[in-house]
C-alpha atoms as a PDB file:
ATOM      1  CA  MET A   1       0.000   0.000   0.000  1.00  0.00           C
ATOM      2  CA  PRO A   2       1.548   3.365  -1.005  1.00  0.00           C
ATOM      3  CA  GLU A   3       2.518   5.721   1.787  1.00  0.00           C
ATOM      4  CA  LYS A   4       0.070   8.577   2.306  1.00  0.00           C
ATOM      5  CA  ILE A   5       1.347  11.960   1.168  1.00  0.00           C
ATOM      6  CA  GLU A   6       1.285  14.541   3.958  1.00  0.00           C
ATOM      7  CA  TYR A   7       1.128  18.149   2.839  1.00  0.00           C
ATOM      8  CA  ARG A   8       1.868  21.257   4.815  1.00  0.00           C
ATOM      9  CA  PRO A   9      -1.386  22.634   6.261  1.00  0.00           C
ATOM     10  CA  VAL A  10      -3.212  25.558   4.706  1.00  0.00           C
ATOM     11  CA  TYR A  11      -3.028  28.651   6.891  1.00  0.00           C
ATOM     12  CA  ASP A  12      -6.096  28.946   9.118  1.00  0.00           C
ATOM     13  CA  ALA A  13      -6.818  32.626   8.462  1.00  0.00           C
ATOM     14  CA  GLU A  14     -10.041  34.459   7.652  1.00  0.00           C
ATOM     15  CA  LEU A  15      -8.332  36.137   4.680  1.00  0.00           C
ATOM     16  CA  LEU A  16      -5.716  34.352   2.598  1.00  0.00           C
ATOM     17  CA  ILE A  17      -3.648  36.384   0.127  1.00  0.00           C
ATOM     18  CA  VAL A  18      -2.345  34.173  -2.690  1.00  0.00           C
ATOM     19  CA  HIS A  19       0.263  35.649  -5.002  1.00  0.00           C
ATOM     20  CA  PRO A  20       3.647  35.038  -6.635  1.00  0.00           C
ATOM     21  CA  PRO A  21       6.717  36.302  -4.742  1.00  0.00           C
ATOM     22  CA  GLY A  22       7.282  40.041  -5.024  1.00  0.00           C
ATOM     23  CA  CYS A  23       3.609  41.084  -5.276  1.00  0.00           C
ATOM     24  CA  ALA A  24       3.394  42.922  -1.922  1.00  0.00           C
ATOM     25  CA  GLY A  25       1.550  40.165  -0.074  1.00  0.00           C
ATOM     26  CA  ASN A  26       3.473  40.551   3.174  1.00  0.00           C
ATOM     27  CA  PHE A  27       3.154  44.339   3.011  1.00  0.00           C
ATOM     28  CA  ILE A  28      -0.636  44.030   2.731  1.00  0.00           C
ATOM     29  CA  CYS A  29      -0.679  41.611   5.666  1.00  0.00           C
ATOM     30  CA  GLU A  30       1.307  44.040   7.786  1.00  0.00           C
ATOM     31  CA  VAL A  31      -1.158  46.858   7.071  1.00  0.00           C
ATOM     32  CA  ILE A  32      -4.072  44.589   8.022  1.00  0.00           C
ATOM     33  CA  ASN A  33      -2.231  43.347  11.126  1.00  0.00           C
ATOM     34  CA  GLU A  34      -1.654  46.890  12.304  1.00  0.00           C
ATOM     35  CA  TYR A  35      -5.299  47.795  11.645  1.00  0.00           C
ATOM     36  CA  THR A  36      -6.595  44.740  13.522  1.00  0.00           C
ATOM     37  CA  GLU A  37      -3.983  45.035  16.308  1.00  0.00           C
ATOM     38  CA  GLN A  38      -2.192  41.795  15.441  1.00  0.00           C
ATOM     39  CA  PRO A  39       1.600  41.421  15.859  1.00  0.00           C
ATOM     40  CA  VAL A  40       3.532  43.479  13.313  1.00  0.00           C
ATOM     41  CA  VAL A  41       7.038  42.587  12.147  1.00  0.00           C
ATOM     42  CA  GLY A  42       7.759  45.687  10.060  1.00  0.00           C
ATOM     43  CA  PRO A  43      10.272  46.061   7.212  1.00  0.00           C
ATOM     44  CA  LEU A  44      13.275  43.725   7.403  1.00  0.00           C
ATOM     45  CA  HIS A  45      15.843  46.098   5.935  1.00  0.00           C
ATOM     46  CA  GLY A  46      16.208  49.070   3.604  1.00  0.00           C
ATOM     47  CA  ASP A  47      15.216  47.209   0.434  1.00  0.00           C
ATOM     48  CA  ASN A  48      11.440  47.331   0.921  1.00  0.00           C
ATOM     49  CA  GLU A  49      11.100  43.750   2.142  1.00  0.00           C
ATOM     50  CA  PHE A  50       8.387  42.832   4.617  1.00  0.00           C
ATOM     51  CA  ARG A  51       7.580  39.733   6.624  1.00  0.00           C
ATOM     52  CA  SER A  52       4.307  38.965   8.344  1.00  0.00           C
ATOM     53  CA  ILE A  53       3.239  36.450  10.969  1.00  0.00           C
ATOM     54  CA  PRO A  54       0.305  34.286   9.812  1.00  0.00           C
ATOM     55  CA  ASN A  55      -2.606  34.557  12.233  1.00  0.00           C
ATOM     56  CA  HIS A  56      -6.352  33.953  12.386  1.00  0.00           C
ATOM     57  CA  VAL A  57      -7.043  37.258  10.605  1.00  0.00           C
ATOM     58  CA  VAL A  58      -4.745  37.199   7.568  1.00  0.00           C
ATOM     59  CA  ALA A  59      -1.951  35.192   5.990  1.00  0.00           C
ATOM     60  CA  SER A  60       0.044  35.442   2.801  1.00  0.00           C
ATOM     61  CA  CYS A  61       1.193  32.515   0.658  1.00  0.00           C
ATOM     62  CA  HIS A  62       2.303  31.518  -2.820  1.00  0.00           C
ATOM     63  CA  LEU A  63       0.232  29.084  -4.866  1.00  0.00           C
ATOM     64  CA  HIS A  64       2.969  26.445  -4.964  1.00  0.00           C
ATOM     65  CA  GLU A  65       3.013  26.330  -1.148  1.00  0.00           C
ATOM     66  CA  PHE A  66      -0.293  24.429  -1.169  1.00  0.00           C
ATOM     67  CA  PHE A  67       1.599  21.515  -2.700  1.00  0.00           C
ATOM     68  CA  LYS A  68       4.630  21.444  -0.392  1.00  0.00           C
ATOM     69  CA  LEU A  69       5.137  18.274   1.602  1.00  0.00           C
ATOM     70  CA  GLN A  70       5.248  18.299   5.377  1.00  0.00           C
ATOM     71  CA  ALA A  71       8.569  16.447   5.384  1.00  0.00           C
ATOM     72  CA  ASP A  72      11.888  17.905   4.209  1.00  0.00           C
ATOM     73  CA  ASP A  73      10.939  21.408   5.403  1.00  0.00           C
ATOM     74  CA  GLY A  74       8.490  21.706   2.536  1.00  0.00           C
ATOM     75  CA  LYS A  75      11.181  21.813  -0.148  1.00  0.00           C
ATOM     76  CA  GLN A  76       9.555  19.035  -2.167  1.00  0.00           C
ATOM     77  CA  LYS A  77       6.252  19.649  -3.958  1.00  0.00           C
ATOM     78  CA  VAL A  78       3.730  17.152  -5.339  1.00  0.00           C
ATOM     79  CA  TYR A  79       0.954  18.458  -7.588  1.00  0.00           C
ATOM     80  CA  SER A  80      -2.288  16.519  -8.001  1.00  0.00           C
ATOM     81  CA  HIS A  81      -6.018  17.056  -8.605  1.00  0.00           C
ATOM     82  CA  THR A  82      -6.690  15.372  -5.265  1.00  0.00           C
ATOM     83  CA  ARG A  83      -4.606  17.956  -3.432  1.00  0.00           C
ATOM     84  CA  TYR A  84      -6.267  20.775  -5.356  1.00  0.00           C
ATOM     85  CA  LYS A  85      -9.686  19.535  -4.185  1.00  0.00           C
ATOM     86  CA  GLU A  86      -8.454  19.291  -0.576  1.00  0.00           C
ATOM     87  CA  VAL A  87      -7.172  22.865  -0.668  1.00  0.00           C
ATOM     88  CA  LEU A  88     -10.351  24.224  -2.231  1.00  0.00           C
ATOM     89  CA  GLN A  89     -12.480  22.528   0.410  1.00  0.00           C
ATOM     90  CA  GLN A  90     -10.393  24.215   3.105  1.00  0.00           C
ATOM     91  CA  LEU A  91     -10.735  27.588   1.395  1.00  0.00           C
ATOM     92  CA  LYS A  92     -14.538  27.460   1.372  1.00  0.00           C
ATOM     93  CA  ASN A  93     -14.782  29.098   4.796  1.00  0.00           C
ATOM     94  CA  LYS A  94     -12.275  31.849   3.956  1.00  0.00           C
ATOM     95  CA  GLN A  95     -11.941  34.927   1.824  1.00  0.00           C
ATOM     96  CA  VAL A  96      -9.209  34.665  -0.798  1.00  0.00           C
ATOM     97  CA  LEU A  97      -7.437  37.577  -2.466  1.00  0.00           C
ATOM     98  CA  VAL A  98      -5.516  36.576  -5.601  1.00  0.00           C
ATOM     99  CA  ILE A  99      -2.927  38.985  -7.035  1.00  0.00           C
ATOM    100  CA  LEU A 100      -2.074  38.314 -10.687  1.00  0.00           C
ATOM    101  CA  PRO A 101       1.205  39.824 -11.924  1.00  0.00           C
ATOM    102  CA  GLU A 102       0.349  39.274 -15.607  1.00  0.00           C
ATOM    103  CA  HIS A 103       2.937  41.077 -17.789  1.00  0.00           C
ATOM    104  CA  HIS A 104       4.776  42.221 -14.651  1.00  0.00           C
ATOM    105  CA  ALA A 105       5.673  38.630 -13.670  1.00  0.00           C
ATOM    106  CA  GLY A 106       9.320  39.126 -14.621  1.00  0.00           C
ATOM    107  CA  LEU A 107       9.523  42.358 -12.650  1.00  0.00           C
ATOM    108  CA  VAL A 108       7.998  41.063  -9.412  1.00  0.00           C
ATOM    109  CA  ASP A 109      10.172  37.952  -9.667  1.00  0.00           C
ATOM    110  CA  CYS A 110      13.240  40.177  -9.756  1.00  0.00           C
ATOM    111  CA  PHE A 111      11.949  42.207  -6.799  1.00  0.00           C
ATOM    112  CA  ALA A 112      11.773  38.998  -4.775  1.00  0.00           C
ATOM    113  CA  LEU A 113      15.140  37.716  -5.995  1.00  0.00           C
ATOM    114  CA  TYR A 114      16.930  41.014  -5.414  1.00  0.00           C
ATOM    115  CA  LYS A 115      15.662  41.121  -1.844  1.00  0.00           C
ATOM    116  CA  MET A 116      16.799  37.509  -1.420  1.00  0.00           C
ATOM    117  CA  TYR A 117      20.235  38.536  -2.684  1.00  0.00           C
ATOM    118  CA  GLN A 118      20.324  41.322  -0.084  1.00  0.00           C
ATOM    119  CA  ARG A 119      19.621  38.719   2.614  1.00  0.00           C
ATOM    120  CA  GLU A 120      21.859  35.905   1.400  1.00  0.00           C
ATOM    121  CA  GLY A 121      24.488  37.566  -0.779  1.00  0.00           C
ATOM    122  CA  GLN A 122      24.575  34.930  -3.523  1.00  0.00           C
ATOM    123  CA  GLN A 123      26.264  36.397  -6.587  1.00  0.00           C
ATOM    124  CA  ARG A 124      24.419  34.159  -9.070  1.00  0.00           C
ATOM    125  CA  THR A 125      21.115  35.601  -7.847  1.00  0.00           C
ATOM    126  CA  LEU A 126      22.336  39.137  -8.483  1.00  0.00           C
ATOM    127  CA  ASP A 127      23.722  38.134 -11.883  1.00  0.00           C
ATOM    128  CA  TYR A 128      20.342  36.756 -12.932  1.00  0.00           C
ATOM    129  CA  VAL A 129      18.493  39.861 -11.728  1.00  0.00           C
ATOM    130  CA  LYS A 130      20.920  42.113 -13.612  1.00  0.00           C
ATOM    131  CA  SER A 131      20.461  40.062 -16.798  1.00  0.00           C
ATOM    132  CA  ARG A 132      16.671  40.364 -16.586  1.00  0.00           C
ATOM    133  CA  ALA A 133      16.847  44.071 -15.763  1.00  0.00           C
ATOM    134  CA  ALA A 134      18.900  44.605 -18.939  1.00  0.00           C
ATOM    135  CA  LEU A 135      15.956  43.119 -20.867  1.00  0.00           C
ATOM    136  CA  ASP A 136      13.392  45.294 -19.031  1.00  0.00           C
ATOM    137  CA  PHE A 137      12.247  42.252 -17.018  1.00  0.00           C
ATOM    138  CA  ALA A 138      10.784  40.476 -20.061  1.00  0.00           C
ATOM    139  CA  LEU A 139       8.816  37.310 -19.320  1.00  0.00           C
ATOM    140  CA  GLU A 140      10.518  33.935 -19.526  1.00  0.00           C
ATOM    141  CA  HIS A 141       8.877  30.521 -19.957  1.00  0.00           C
ATOM    142  CA  GLY A 142       8.699  30.010 -16.193  1.00  0.00           C
ATOM    143  CA  HIS A 143       6.824  33.278 -15.716  1.00  0.00           C
ATOM    144  CA  ARG A 144       4.255  32.366 -18.372  1.00  0.00           C
ATOM    145  CA  LYS A 145       3.824  28.934 -16.819  1.00  0.00           C
ATOM    146  CA  GLN A 146       3.292  30.530 -13.400  1.00  0.00           C
ATOM    147  CA  ASN A 147       0.704  32.951 -14.806  1.00  0.00           C
ATOM    148  CA  LYS A 148      -1.186  30.043 -16.368  1.00  0.00           C
ATOM    149  CA  HIS A 149      -1.206  28.171 -13.041  1.00  0.00           C
ATOM    150  CA  TYR A 150      -2.707  31.187 -11.267  1.00  0.00           C
ATOM    151  CA  ASP A 151      -5.368  31.505 -13.982  1.00  0.00           C
ATOM    152  CA  ILE A 152      -6.281  27.848 -13.417  1.00  0.00           C
ATOM    153  CA  PHE A 153      -6.444  28.455  -9.656  1.00  0.00           C
ATOM    154  CA  VAL A 154      -8.911  31.313 -10.180  1.00  0.00           C
ATOM    155  CA  LYS A 155     -11.131  29.044 -12.293  1.00  0.00           C
ATOM    156  CA  TYR A 156     -11.094  26.457  -9.507  1.00  0.00           C
ATOM    157  CA  LEU A 157     -12.105  29.119  -6.968  1.00  0.00           C
ATOM    158  CA  GLN A 158     -15.073  29.976  -9.168  1.00  0.00           C
ATOM    159  CA  LYS A 159     -16.006  26.329  -9.686  1.00  0.00           C
ATOM    160  CA  TYR A 160     -15.939  25.555  -5.947  1.00  0.00           C
ATOM    161  CA  ASN A 161     -17.766  28.783  -4.980  1.00  0.00           C
ATOM    162  CA  VAL A 162     -14.929  30.077  -2.818  1.00  0.00           C
ATOM    163  CA  GLU A 163     -15.396  33.723  -1.868  1.00  0.00           C
ATOM    164  CA  HIS A 164     -12.578  35.469  -3.672  1.00  0.00           C
ATOM    165  CA  LEU A 165     -11.376  38.683  -5.261  1.00  0.00           C
ATOM    166  CA  VAL A 166      -8.975  38.722  -8.183  1.00  0.00           C
ATOM    167  CA  VAL A 167      -6.838  41.816  -8.718  1.00  0.00           C
ATOM    168  CA  THR A 168      -3.929  42.564 -11.007  1.00  0.00           C
ATOM    169  CA  TYR A 169      -0.594  43.850  -9.800  1.00  0.00           C
ATOM    170  CA  GLN A 170      -0.921  46.767 -12.217  1.00  0.00           C
ATOM    171  CA  ASN A 171      -4.339  47.962 -11.070  1.00  0.00           C
ATOM    172  CA  PHE A 172      -4.155  47.072  -7.388  1.00  0.00           C
ATOM    173  CA  VAL A 173      -0.541  47.794  -6.445  1.00  0.00           C
ATOM    174  CA  LEU A 174       0.970  50.063  -9.106  1.00  0.00           C
ATOM    175  CA  ASP A 175      -2.201  52.119  -9.714  1.00  0.00           C
ATOM    176  CA  ASN A 176      -3.080  51.958  -6.004  1.00  0.00           C
ATOM    177  CA  ASN A 177      -6.752  51.130  -6.560  1.00  0.00           C
ATOM    178  CA  VAL A 178      -7.729  49.647  -3.198  1.00  0.00           C
ATOM    179  CA  GLU A 179     -11.419  50.524  -2.927  1.00  0.00           C
ATOM    180  CA  GLN A 180     -12.655  47.194  -4.279  1.00  0.00           C
ATOM    181  CA  PHE A 181     -10.451  45.349  -1.803  1.00  0.00           C
ATOM    182  CA  ASN A 182     -11.761  47.440   1.092  1.00  0.00           C
ATOM    183  CA  GLN A 183     -15.308  46.563   0.049  1.00  0.00           C
ATOM    184  CA  PHE A 184     -14.395  42.887  -0.289  1.00  0.00           C
ATOM    185  CA  ILE A 185     -13.236  42.648   3.329  1.00  0.00           C
ATOM    186  CA  GLY A 186     -15.976  44.942   4.615  1.00  0.00           C
ATOM    187  CA  GLU A 187     -13.875  47.933   5.684  1.00  0.00           C
ATOM    188  CA  ASP A 188     -14.276  51.564   4.647  1.00  0.00           C
ATOM    189  CA  ASP A 189     -10.564  52.334   4.883  1.00  0.00           C
ATOM    190  CA  LEU A 190      -7.993  50.123   6.604  1.00  0.00           C
ATOM    191  CA  GLY A 191      -5.131  52.418   5.602  1.00  0.00           C
ATOM    192  CA  LEU A 192      -3.775  50.421   2.675  1.00  0.00           C
ATOM    193  CA  ASP A 193      -1.771  52.762   0.433  1.00  0.00           C
ATOM    194  CA  PHE A 194       0.941  51.584  -1.951  1.00  0.00           C
ATOM    195  CA  THR A 195       2.431  55.035  -2.690  1.00  0.00           C
ATOM    196  CA  ASP A 196       5.527  54.757  -0.494  1.00  0.00           C
ATOM    197  CA  TYR A 197       5.869  51.035  -1.210  1.00  0.00           C
ATOM    198  CA  ASN A 198       5.912  51.688  -4.957  1.00  0.00           C
ATOM    199  CA  ASN A 199       8.358  54.561  -4.636  1.00  0.00           C
ATOM    200  CA  SER A 200      10.765  52.279  -2.781  1.00  0.00           C
ATOM    201  CA  ASN A 201      10.363  49.634  -5.494  1.00  0.00           C
ATOM    202  CA  TYR A 202      11.081  52.198  -8.231  1.00  0.00           C
ATOM    203  CA  TYR A 203      14.344  52.898  -6.414  1.00  0.00           C
ATOM    204  CA  LEU A 204      15.073  49.145  -6.453  1.00  0.00           C
ATOM    205  CA  ILE A 205      14.536  49.080 -10.226  1.00  0.00           C
ATOM    206  CA  ARG A 206      17.180  51.779 -10.633  1.00  0.00           C
ATOM    207  CA  LYS A 207      19.562  49.763  -8.449  1.00  0.00           C
ATOM    208  CA  MET A 208      18.935  46.578 -10.417  1.00  0.00           C
ATOM    209  CA  LYS A 209      19.505  48.343 -13.736  1.00  0.00           C
ATOM    210  CA  TYR A 210      22.315  50.754 -13.058  1.00  0.00           C
ATOM    211  CA  GLU A 211      24.358  49.767 -10.018  1.00  0.00           C
END
């Protein structure tokens, strides 16, 4: 009899923010945590990186994390329709915000990687970021594949009647249109404003391109 696959549990939060790395998920969580008086970590360093502590109110995760195994610190992933159904069942009692990077997938990937380089100092990470910056963060095959996976996830949310809101990185983060999100979570104004966050990221783009 095959051994049962044990996945890492889905965060038990009222609102789950699902997004690729670099899409401001942890920043949004920190704003909500401050508004709801949950523990706040704050920025990690001067490169606009945030961390948040998952709690019963809000948590941030990447789509691939639903498929990480409990063993081996979650480094191994196993994708299956069975797991997808399990996850969707667990999401039925939550609100889900999905952030789609679309044509900005290469850019947000480099945001995440550059911040990782600042933490870990691996030269190959910086070399890759610099190479993508020289091409104006054009999409690669992996970015297109990721975008397609998120589109499939959204269709599953619709099929399983999970309460969700889909936003694009362009409209929600870059254009700072947060009213629909405020309505989705039932708040008039929780203080979410991407102006300073975006300005710091524009500075990172200059660093990635010219330093």
